[in-house]
Amino acid sequence: MAEETEQTGAGRRRRAVLIASVFAVAALAGLAGIYGITKWNGNAVEASCKPAAALAARLTPLMRGEVAALAPAKHPIRLANLTFLDAKGQQRSLADWKGRTVLLNLWATWCVPCKTEMPALDALQQKLGGPQFEVVAVNIDTRNPDKPRAWLKDAGIQKLDYFADPQAKIFQDLKVAGRAFGMPTTILVDPSGCEVATLAGPAEWASGDAVKLIEAAIRQ
């Protein structure tokens, strides 16, 4: 009887380990689907993102003054498959900006620092936005979808196209990857969709320091 109980217990433990393994594989597969990574390794750089690591190193001396809080990516991850909605409700992904440098910004109307930096992001888009660069500001309000649009209009934000993720999944995906620690979150992305640098918190994006950094990233 004791032997039978022991065998039953061992069987349950094996099943528990098997179930845990299945969930772990599923989680990794989910990350792979989001970031286009076949093997999740925080210390490895995907081959297609190696140029982003080199660019981050070259740009590091320019991460000063108003953009001194930027953290250059030592192990860039691929972000091209991050998804959100455009102003018409159509699904978009960063892959749609392939060939352009992107400043991805996550913001919300409940985030005071987010709203404070929005005019500077608008000014940066006005100054440098075009075929080579775009500020992609994604709103993550999960309630009242009309509120962020109304706020942008009242704040006089005119140069930024409207993007939103009413499920805030983009923030959660970046949080899982260790790239989002609070709001606002801003990531400089190279033309191939790879992370170059990340900033947790606001910055004066229309400043001379920021403009020099972005111009250098565009010239790469």
C-alpha atoms as a PDB file:
ATOM      1  CA  MET A   1       0.000   0.000   0.000  1.00  0.00           C
ATOM      2  CA  ALA A   2       2.813   2.379   0.931  1.00  0.00           C
ATOM      3  CA  GLU A   3       4.594   1.483  -2.304  1.00  0.00           C
ATOM      4  CA  GLU A   4       1.432   2.196  -4.315  1.00  0.00           C
ATOM      5  CA  THR A   5       1.010   5.582  -2.584  1.00  0.00           C
ATOM      6  CA  GLU A   6       4.639   6.444  -3.303  1.00  0.00           C
ATOM      7  CA  GLN A   7       4.236   5.559  -6.973  1.00  0.00           C
ATOM      8  CA  THR A   8       1.049   7.632  -7.169  1.00  0.00           C
ATOM      9  CA  GLY A   9       2.851  10.595  -5.618  1.00  0.00           C
ATOM     10  CA  ALA A  10       5.746  10.240  -8.031  1.00  0.00           C
ATOM     11  CA  GLY A  11       3.305  10.169 -10.948  1.00  0.00           C
ATOM     12  CA  ARG A  12       1.655  13.364  -9.776  1.00  0.00           C
ATOM     13  CA  ARG A  13       5.018  15.067  -9.455  1.00  0.00           C
ATOM     14  CA  ARG A  14       5.964  14.034 -12.988  1.00  0.00           C
ATOM     15  CA  ARG A  15       2.659  15.382 -14.316  1.00  0.00           C
ATOM     16  CA  ALA A  16       3.215  18.660 -12.448  1.00  0.00           C
ATOM     17  CA  VAL A  17       6.688  19.025 -13.940  1.00  0.00           C
ATOM     18  CA  LEU A  18       5.317  18.234 -17.413  1.00  0.00           C
ATOM     19  CA  ILE A  19       2.545  20.837 -17.093  1.00  0.00           C
ATOM     20  CA  ALA A  20       5.007  23.468 -15.843  1.00  0.00           C
ATOM     21  CA  SER A  21       7.298  22.703 -18.784  1.00  0.00           C
ATOM     22  CA  VAL A  22       4.431  23.124 -21.253  1.00  0.00           C
ATOM     23  CA  PHE A  23       3.559  26.524 -19.801  1.00  0.00           C
ATOM     24  CA  ALA A  24       7.209  27.594 -19.877  1.00  0.00           C
ATOM     25  CA  VAL A  25       7.549  26.603 -23.532  1.00  0.00           C
ATOM     26  CA  ALA A  26       4.322  28.428 -24.368  1.00  0.00           C
ATOM     27  CA  ALA A  27       5.548  31.578 -22.640  1.00  0.00           C
ATOM     28  CA  LEU A  28       8.825  31.490 -24.526  1.00  0.00           C
ATOM     29  CA  ALA A  29       6.980  30.871 -27.778  1.00  0.00           C
ATOM     30  CA  GLY A  30       4.859  33.916 -27.055  1.00  0.00           C
ATOM     31  CA  LEU A  31       7.930  36.044 -26.565  1.00  0.00           C
ATOM     32  CA  ALA A  32       9.432  34.636 -29.738  1.00  0.00           C
ATOM     33  CA  GLY A  33       6.276  35.594 -31.608  1.00  0.00           C
ATOM     34  CA  ILE A  34       6.372  39.133 -30.260  1.00  0.00           C
ATOM     35  CA  TYR A  35      10.018  39.862 -30.784  1.00  0.00           C
ATOM     36  CA  GLY A  36      10.925  37.533 -33.623  1.00  0.00           C
ATOM     37  CA  ILE A  37      13.446  35.772 -31.369  1.00  0.00           C
ATOM     38  CA  THR A  38      13.933  32.039 -31.832  1.00  0.00           C
ATOM     39  CA  LYS A  39      15.885  31.664 -28.597  1.00  0.00           C
ATOM     40  CA  TRP A  40      15.228  33.894 -25.596  1.00  0.00           C
ATOM     41  CA  ASN A  41      18.592  34.761 -24.075  1.00  0.00           C
ATOM     42  CA  GLY A  42      19.116  38.022 -22.219  1.00  0.00           C
ATOM     43  CA  ASN A  43      22.852  37.933 -22.901  1.00  0.00           C
ATOM     44  CA  ALA A  44      22.659  37.105 -26.600  1.00  0.00           C
ATOM     45  CA  VAL A  45      22.152  39.472 -29.512  1.00  0.00           C
ATOM     46  CA  GLU A  46      20.082  38.254 -32.446  1.00  0.00           C
ATOM     47  CA  ALA A  47      22.141  38.396 -35.630  1.00  0.00           C
ATOM     48  CA  SER A  48      19.803  40.933 -37.257  1.00  0.00           C
ATOM     49  CA  CYS A  49      20.167  43.227 -34.219  1.00  0.00           C
ATOM     50  CA  LYS A  50      23.964  43.280 -34.033  1.00  0.00           C
ATOM     51  CA  PRO A  51      24.091  46.539 -36.055  1.00  0.00           C
ATOM     52  CA  ALA A  52      21.775  48.078 -33.426  1.00  0.00           C
ATOM     53  CA  ALA A  53      24.254  47.167 -30.680  1.00  0.00           C
ATOM     54  CA  ALA A  54      27.051  48.822 -32.654  1.00  0.00           C
ATOM     55  CA  LEU A  55      24.893  51.900 -33.253  1.00  0.00           C
ATOM     56  CA  ALA A  56      24.035  52.106 -29.556  1.00  0.00           C
ATOM     57  CA  ALA A  57      27.746  52.133 -28.719  1.00  0.00           C
ATOM     58  CA  ARG A  58      28.415  54.908 -31.233  1.00  0.00           C
ATOM     59  CA  LEU A  59      25.519  57.003 -29.913  1.00  0.00           C
ATOM     60  CA  THR A  60      26.417  56.609 -26.228  1.00  0.00           C
ATOM     61  CA  PRO A  61      28.586  59.772 -26.103  1.00  0.00           C
ATOM     62  CA  LEU A  62      25.552  61.754 -27.334  1.00  0.00           C
ATOM     63  CA  MET A  63      23.324  60.467 -24.527  1.00  0.00           C
ATOM     64  CA  ARG A  64      23.935  63.470 -22.335  1.00  0.00           C
ATOM     65  CA  GLY A  65      22.248  66.594 -21.073  1.00  0.00           C
ATOM     66  CA  GLU A  66      18.499  66.391 -21.637  1.00  0.00           C
ATOM     67  CA  VAL A  67      18.762  62.770 -22.825  1.00  0.00           C
ATOM     68  CA  ALA A  68      21.384  61.580 -20.342  1.00  0.00           C
ATOM     69  CA  ALA A  69      18.920  59.092 -18.834  1.00  0.00           C
ATOM     70  CA  LEU A  70      18.817  57.025 -22.038  1.00  0.00           C
ATOM     71  CA  ALA A  71      20.215  53.525 -21.569  1.00  0.00           C
ATOM     72  CA  PRO A  72      22.054  52.217 -24.657  1.00  0.00           C
ATOM     73  CA  ALA A  73      21.126  48.649 -25.564  1.00  0.00           C
ATOM     74  CA  LYS A  74      23.974  46.233 -24.913  1.00  0.00           C
ATOM     75  CA  HIS A  75      21.843  43.263 -25.925  1.00  0.00           C
ATOM     76  CA  PRO A  76      19.214  44.688 -28.322  1.00  0.00           C
ATOM     77  CA  ILE A  77      15.993  42.815 -28.892  1.00  0.00           C
ATOM     78  CA  ARG A  78      13.880  42.854 -32.019  1.00  0.00           C
ATOM     79  CA  LEU A  79      10.716  44.927 -31.624  1.00  0.00           C
ATOM     80  CA  ALA A  80       9.407  44.953 -35.188  1.00  0.00           C
ATOM     81  CA  ASN A  81       6.414  42.761 -34.333  1.00  0.00           C
ATOM     82  CA  LEU A  82       5.024  44.926 -31.525  1.00  0.00           C
ATOM     83  CA  THR A  83       1.435  45.742 -32.478  1.00  0.00           C
ATOM     84  CA  PHE A  84      -1.063  48.549 -31.825  1.00  0.00           C
ATOM     85  CA  LEU A  85      -3.878  50.364 -33.610  1.00  0.00           C
ATOM     86  CA  ASP A  86      -3.855  53.426 -35.836  1.00  0.00           C
ATOM     87  CA  ALA A  87      -6.391  56.262 -35.834  1.00  0.00           C
ATOM     88  CA  LYS A  88      -8.761  54.203 -38.016  1.00  0.00           C
ATOM     89  CA  GLY A  89      -8.608  51.195 -35.710  1.00  0.00           C
ATOM     90  CA  GLN A  90      -6.440  49.190 -38.097  1.00  0.00           C
ATOM     91  CA  GLN A  91      -3.717  46.997 -36.637  1.00  0.00           C
ATOM     92  CA  ARG A  92      -0.184  48.234 -37.185  1.00  0.00           C
ATOM     93  CA  SER A  93       3.230  46.992 -36.147  1.00  0.00           C
ATOM     94  CA  LEU A  94       6.664  48.557 -35.978  1.00  0.00           C
ATOM     95  CA  ALA A  95       7.516  46.470 -39.034  1.00  0.00           C
ATOM     96  CA  ASP A  96       5.443  49.008 -40.986  1.00  0.00           C
ATOM     97  CA  TRP A  97       8.254  51.506 -40.359  1.00  0.00           C
ATOM     98  CA  LYS A  98      10.978  49.279 -41.756  1.00  0.00           C
ATOM     99  CA  GLY A  99      13.725  51.454 -43.209  1.00  0.00           C
ATOM    100  CA  ARG A 100      13.023  54.347 -40.821  1.00  0.00           C
ATOM    101  CA  THR A 101      14.449  55.201 -37.435  1.00  0.00           C
ATOM    102  CA  VAL A 102      11.602  55.306 -34.897  1.00  0.00           C
ATOM    103  CA  LEU A 103      11.215  56.878 -31.488  1.00  0.00           C
ATOM    104  CA  LEU A 104       8.548  54.667 -29.895  1.00  0.00           C
ATOM    105  CA  ASN A 105       6.796  56.392 -26.995  1.00  0.00           C
ATOM    106  CA  LEU A 106       4.159  54.907 -24.685  1.00  0.00           C
ATOM    107  CA  TRP A 107       1.932  57.450 -22.962  1.00  0.00           C
ATOM    108  CA  ALA A 108      -1.385  57.801 -21.137  1.00  0.00           C
ATOM    109  CA  THR A 109      -3.630  60.661 -20.062  1.00  0.00           C
ATOM    110  CA  TRP A 110      -3.340  59.566 -16.416  1.00  0.00           C
ATOM    111  CA  CYS A 111       0.453  59.954 -16.636  1.00  0.00           C
ATOM    112  CA  VAL A 112       1.404  63.565 -15.864  1.00  0.00           C
ATOM    113  CA  PRO A 113       5.042  63.257 -17.078  1.00  0.00           C
ATOM    114  CA  CYS A 114       3.745  61.727 -20.316  1.00  0.00           C
ATOM    115  CA  LYS A 115       1.555  64.735 -21.013  1.00  0.00           C
ATOM    116  CA  THR A 116       4.326  67.123 -20.007  1.00  0.00           C
ATOM    117  CA  GLU A 117       6.724  65.755 -22.644  1.00  0.00           C
ATOM    118  CA  MET A 118       4.153  65.407 -25.424  1.00  0.00           C
ATOM    119  CA  PRO A 119       4.648  68.939 -26.859  1.00  0.00           C
ATOM    120  CA  ALA A 120       8.383  68.237 -27.138  1.00  0.00           C
ATOM    121  CA  LEU A 121       7.721  64.978 -28.980  1.00  0.00           C
ATOM    122  CA  ASP A 122       5.390  66.882 -31.279  1.00  0.00           C
ATOM    123  CA  ALA A 123       8.109  69.472 -31.919  1.00  0.00           C
ATOM    124  CA  LEU A 124      10.673  66.733 -32.596  1.00  0.00           C
ATOM    125  CA  GLN A 125       8.347  65.164 -35.151  1.00  0.00           C
ATOM    126  CA  GLN A 126       7.836  68.537 -36.803  1.00  0.00           C
ATOM    127  CA  LYS A 127      11.593  69.124 -37.019  1.00  0.00           C
ATOM    128  CA  LEU A 128      12.863  65.690 -38.057  1.00  0.00           C
ATOM    129  CA  GLY A 129       9.811  63.657 -39.082  1.00  0.00           C
ATOM    130  CA  GLY A 130       9.856  62.342 -42.633  1.00  0.00           C
ATOM    131  CA  PRO A 131      10.974  59.386 -44.783  1.00  0.00           C
ATOM    132  CA  GLN A 132      13.892  58.618 -42.437  1.00  0.00           C
ATOM    133  CA  PHE A 133      12.389  59.189 -38.998  1.00  0.00           C
ATOM    134  CA  GLU A 134       9.099  59.222 -37.115  1.00  0.00           C
ATOM    135  CA  VAL A 135       7.912  59.606 -33.549  1.00  0.00           C
ATOM    136  CA  VAL A 136       5.388  56.819 -32.950  1.00  0.00           C
ATOM    137  CA  ALA A 137       3.487  57.737 -29.786  1.00  0.00           C
ATOM    138  CA  VAL A 138       1.156  54.956 -28.628  1.00  0.00           C
ATOM    139  CA  ASN A 139      -1.531  55.763 -26.082  1.00  0.00           C
ATOM    140  CA  ILE A 140      -2.304  52.976 -23.588  1.00  0.00           C
ATOM    141  CA  ASP A 141      -5.421  54.348 -21.870  1.00  0.00           C
ATOM    142  CA  THR A 142      -7.687  51.381 -21.176  1.00  0.00           C
ATOM    143  CA  ARG A 143     -10.855  53.418 -20.512  1.00  0.00           C
ATOM    144  CA  ASN A 144     -12.714  56.066 -22.493  1.00  0.00           C
ATOM    145  CA  PRO A 145     -10.955  55.853 -25.892  1.00  0.00           C
ATOM    146  CA  ASP A 146     -12.132  59.353 -26.789  1.00  0.00           C
ATOM    147  CA  LYS A 147     -10.264  60.957 -23.882  1.00  0.00           C
ATOM    148  CA  PRO A 148      -6.697  60.762 -25.323  1.00  0.00           C
ATOM    149  CA  ARG A 149      -7.845  62.118 -28.690  1.00  0.00           C
ATOM    150  CA  ALA A 150      -9.582  65.024 -26.966  1.00  0.00           C
ATOM    151  CA  TRP A 151      -6.531  65.724 -24.830  1.00  0.00           C
ATOM    152  CA  LEU A 152      -4.199  65.811 -27.840  1.00  0.00           C
ATOM    153  CA  LYS A 153      -6.512  68.265 -29.580  1.00  0.00           C
ATOM    154  CA  ASP A 154      -6.777  70.506 -26.511  1.00  0.00           C
ATOM    155  CA  ALA A 155      -2.987  70.386 -26.016  1.00  0.00           C
ATOM    156  CA  GLY A 156      -2.380  71.483 -29.609  1.00  0.00           C
ATOM    157  CA  ILE A 157      -0.538  68.301 -30.607  1.00  0.00           C
ATOM    158  CA  GLN A 158      -0.752  68.366 -34.399  1.00  0.00           C
ATOM    159  CA  LYS A 159       2.263  66.605 -35.905  1.00  0.00           C
ATOM    160  CA  LEU A 160       1.994  63.213 -34.217  1.00  0.00           C
ATOM    161  CA  ASP A 161      -0.197  60.561 -35.815  1.00  0.00           C
ATOM    162  CA  TYR A 162      -2.564  58.890 -33.366  1.00  0.00           C
ATOM    163  CA  PHE A 163      -1.823  55.326 -32.272  1.00  0.00           C
ATOM    164  CA  ALA A 164      -3.337  53.411 -29.381  1.00  0.00           C
ATOM    165  CA  ASP A 165      -3.374  50.095 -27.567  1.00  0.00           C
ATOM    166  CA  PRO A 166      -6.530  50.094 -25.408  1.00  0.00           C
ATOM    167  CA  GLN A 167      -5.482  46.751 -23.902  1.00  0.00           C
ATOM    168  CA  ALA A 168      -2.056  48.145 -22.880  1.00  0.00           C
ATOM    169  CA  LYS A 169      -0.561  44.882 -24.159  1.00  0.00           C
ATOM    170  CA  ILE A 170       2.392  46.647 -25.739  1.00  0.00           C
ATOM    171  CA  PHE A 171       3.439  47.903 -22.306  1.00  0.00           C
ATOM    172  CA  GLN A 172       3.056  44.454 -20.758  1.00  0.00           C
ATOM    173  CA  ASP A 173       5.072  42.861 -23.574  1.00  0.00           C
ATOM    174  CA  LEU A 174       7.894  45.343 -23.072  1.00  0.00           C
ATOM    175  CA  LYS A 175       7.685  44.895 -19.306  1.00  0.00           C
ATOM    176  CA  VAL A 176       8.110  41.127 -19.676  1.00  0.00           C
ATOM    177  CA  ALA A 177      11.161  41.792 -21.846  1.00  0.00           C
ATOM    178  CA  GLY A 178      12.590  44.118 -19.190  1.00  0.00           C
ATOM    179  CA  ARG A 179      12.161  47.223 -21.325  1.00  0.00           C
ATOM    180  CA  ALA A 180       9.277  48.979 -19.532  1.00  0.00           C
ATOM    181  CA  PHE A 181       9.539  50.007 -15.886  1.00  0.00           C
ATOM    182  CA  GLY A 182       7.063  52.871 -15.731  1.00  0.00           C
ATOM    183  CA  MET A 183       5.476  55.640 -17.718  1.00  0.00           C
ATOM    184  CA  PRO A 184       6.394  57.165 -20.025  1.00  0.00           C
ATOM    185  CA  THR A 185       8.547  54.534 -21.717  1.00  0.00           C
ATOM    186  CA  THR A 186      10.475  55.551 -24.822  1.00  0.00           C
ATOM    187  CA  ILE A 187      12.589  53.341 -27.075  1.00  0.00           C
ATOM    188  CA  LEU A 188      14.817  54.375 -29.967  1.00  0.00           C
ATOM    189  CA  VAL A 189      14.437  51.744 -32.695  1.00  0.00           C
ATOM    190  CA  ASP A 190      16.698  51.302 -35.714  1.00  0.00           C
ATOM    191  CA  PRO A 191      15.414  50.881 -39.314  1.00  0.00           C
ATOM    192  CA  SER A 192      15.446  47.086 -39.011  1.00  0.00           C
ATOM    193  CA  GLY A 193      13.169  47.162 -35.950  1.00  0.00           C
ATOM    194  CA  CYS A 194      15.804  46.574 -33.278  1.00  0.00           C
ATOM    195  CA  GLU A 195      16.164  48.391 -29.958  1.00  0.00           C
ATOM    196  CA  VAL A 196      18.963  50.981 -29.768  1.00  0.00           C
ATOM    197  CA  ALA A 197      18.271  52.713 -26.445  1.00  0.00           C
ATOM    198  CA  THR A 198      15.544  52.867 -23.817  1.00  0.00           C
ATOM    199  CA  LEU A 199      14.403  55.629 -21.488  1.00  0.00           C
ATOM    200  CA  ALA A 200      12.195  55.191 -18.432  1.00  0.00           C
ATOM    201  CA  GLY A 201      10.662  58.582 -17.682  1.00  0.00           C
ATOM    202  CA  PRO A 202      10.270  61.888 -19.537  1.00  0.00           C
ATOM    203  CA  ALA A 203      12.829  63.862 -21.512  1.00  0.00           C
ATOM    204  CA  GLU A 204      13.026  67.158 -23.334  1.00  0.00           C
ATOM    205  CA  TRP A 205      12.825  65.650 -26.801  1.00  0.00           C
ATOM    206  CA  ALA A 206      12.903  68.994 -28.620  1.00  0.00           C
ATOM    207  CA  SER A 207      16.209  69.998 -26.981  1.00  0.00           C
ATOM    208  CA  GLY A 208      19.470  70.366 -28.848  1.00  0.00           C
ATOM    209  CA  ASP A 209      20.808  67.252 -27.119  1.00  0.00           C
ATOM    210  CA  ALA A 210      17.884  65.142 -28.308  1.00  0.00           C
ATOM    211  CA  VAL A 211      17.962  66.512 -31.850  1.00  0.00           C
ATOM    212  CA  LYS A 212      21.708  65.788 -32.185  1.00  0.00           C
ATOM    213  CA  LEU A 213      21.174  62.250 -30.954  1.00  0.00           C
ATOM    214  CA  ILE A 214      18.311  61.533 -33.350  1.00  0.00           C
ATOM    215  CA  GLU A 215      20.139  63.127 -36.283  1.00  0.00           C
ATOM    216  CA  ALA A 216      23.150  60.908 -35.568  1.00  0.00           C
ATOM    217  CA  ALA A 217      20.880  57.845 -35.370  1.00  0.00           C
ATOM    218  CA  ILE A 218      19.336  58.722 -38.734  1.00  0.00           C
ATOM    219  CA  ARG A 219      22.747  59.175 -40.368  1.00  0.00           C
ATOM    220  CA  GLN A 220      24.088  55.871 -38.927  1.00  0.00           C
END
